[in-house]
């Protein structure tokens, strides 16, 4: 299983690197379509992410906002650093998985 969507939380188990994976885009769309207003993309289990996936998460954030929903991202290590360097901290709440408890 690469992704799990449960209770407004999208857990990612697959490294988001190299080739574009349409299933991640679909999982993000399913997240926004969920009933919950407060959504989470949980990247705490992965260590690699490319700019393609960072862009998909940005698009997901703006889609969620258009549907009056909030998104936060849980990550750690190099993935969190990459997302911060992309400027996500200015518009998406970022949670450092190595320093905080989060949904398992």
Protein backbone atom coordinates (compact mmCIF):
# COMPACT_ATOMS: atom_id res chain seq x y z
CA UNK A 1 0.00 0.00 0.00
CA UNK A 2 1.44 3.35 -1.12
CA UNK A 3 -1.18 5.65 0.42
CA UNK A 4 -3.88 5.43 3.06
CA UNK A 5 -6.73 7.92 3.45
CA UNK A 6 -8.58 7.77 6.74
CA UNK A 7 -10.41 10.45 8.70
CA UNK A 8 -9.03 13.39 6.72
CA UNK A 9 -5.44 12.14 6.97
CA UNK A 10 -3.54 11.01 3.88
CA UNK A 11 -0.62 8.83 4.98
CA UNK A 12 2.14 8.38 2.42
CA UNK A 13 4.22 5.20 2.58
CA UNK A 14 5.98 5.46 -0.80
CA UNK A 15 9.00 7.68 -1.51
CA UNK A 16 7.84 10.57 -3.68
CA UNK A 17 10.80 10.62 -6.02
CA UNK A 18 11.67 10.07 -9.66
CA UNK A 19 8.71 9.30 -11.91
CA UNK A 20 5.40 11.10 -11.61
CA UNK A 21 2.82 8.86 -9.98
CA UNK A 22 -0.77 9.66 -10.93
CA UNK A 23 -1.98 7.73 -7.87
CA UNK A 24 -0.56 10.45 -5.56
CA UNK A 25 -2.53 13.10 -7.44
CA UNK A 26 -5.65 10.91 -7.12
CA UNK A 27 -5.02 10.37 -3.40
CA UNK A 28 -4.74 14.14 -2.88
CA UNK A 29 -8.00 14.70 -4.79
CA UNK A 30 -9.68 12.06 -2.62
CA UNK A 31 -8.34 13.84 0.47
CA UNK A 32 -9.92 17.14 -0.56
CA UNK A 33 -13.17 15.35 -1.41
CA UNK A 34 -13.36 13.81 2.07
CA UNK A 35 -15.97 15.09 4.53
CA UNK A 36 -13.48 16.57 6.97
CA UNK A 37 -12.67 20.28 6.94
CA UNK A 38 -9.22 19.90 8.53
CA UNK A 39 -6.97 17.75 6.35
CA UNK A 40 -3.47 16.37 6.84
CA UNK A 41 -0.86 15.08 4.42
CA UNK A 42 1.37 12.85 6.52
CA UNK A 43 4.81 12.45 4.92
CA UNK A 44 6.51 11.38 8.15
CA UNK A 45 7.33 7.89 6.84
CA UNK A 46 9.26 8.98 3.76
CA UNK A 47 12.73 10.43 3.22
CA UNK A 48 12.64 11.67 -0.40
CA UNK A 49 10.41 14.04 -2.36
CA UNK A 50 10.87 15.76 -5.72
CA UNK A 51 9.63 19.13 -6.90
CA UNK A 52 6.86 17.44 -8.90
CA UNK A 53 5.24 16.20 -5.72
CA UNK A 54 5.83 19.49 -3.91
CA UNK A 55 3.93 21.15 -6.75
CA UNK A 56 1.10 18.63 -6.46
CA UNK A 57 0.81 19.36 -2.74
CA UNK A 58 0.67 23.11 -3.45
CA UNK A 59 -2.13 22.52 -5.96
CA UNK A 60 -3.91 20.35 -3.37
CA UNK A 61 -3.62 23.14 -0.80
CA UNK A 62 -5.24 25.68 -3.13
CA UNK A 63 -7.96 23.21 -4.14
CA UNK A 64 -8.72 22.61 -0.47
CA UNK A 65 -8.89 26.36 0.18
CA UNK A 66 -11.36 26.69 -2.70
CA UNK A 67 -13.52 24.15 -0.85
CA UNK A 68 -13.14 26.00 2.49
CA UNK A 69 -10.85 23.31 3.92
CA UNK A 70 -7.53 23.53 5.73
CA UNK A 71 -4.47 21.38 5.10
CA UNK A 72 -1.41 20.82 7.24
CA UNK A 73 1.63 18.73 6.40
CA UNK A 74 3.56 16.42 8.70
CA UNK A 75 7.12 15.65 7.64
CA UNK A 76 10.64 15.34 8.97
CA UNK A 77 14.26 15.39 7.88
CA UNK A 78 15.03 16.07 4.23
CA UNK A 79 11.37 16.05 3.19
CA UNK A 80 10.52 18.77 5.71
CA UNK A 81 13.59 20.76 4.61
CA UNK A 82 12.56 20.53 0.95
CA UNK A 83 9.02 21.66 1.71
CA UNK A 84 10.31 24.56 3.82
CA UNK A 85 12.73 25.61 1.06
CA UNK A 86 9.77 25.67 -1.34
CA UNK A 87 8.15 28.28 0.92
CA UNK A 88 5.31 26.14 2.23
CA UNK A 89 5.80 27.46 5.75
CA UNK A 90 4.31 30.78 4.65
CA UNK A 91 0.93 29.30 3.69
CA UNK A 92 0.67 25.73 5.04
CA UNK A 93 1.07 24.71 8.68
CA UNK A 94 4.10 22.41 8.82
CA UNK A 95 4.51 19.92 11.65
CA UNK A 96 7.93 18.45 12.36
CA UNK A 97 7.25 14.75 12.94
CA UNK A 98 10.53 14.32 14.77
CA UNK A 99 9.52 16.91 17.38
CA UNK A 100 5.77 16.38 17.75
CA UNK A 101 3.28 13.62 18.23
CA UNK A 102 0.96 13.13 15.30
CA UNK A 103 -1.76 10.74 14.09
CA UNK A 104 -0.30 7.30 13.57
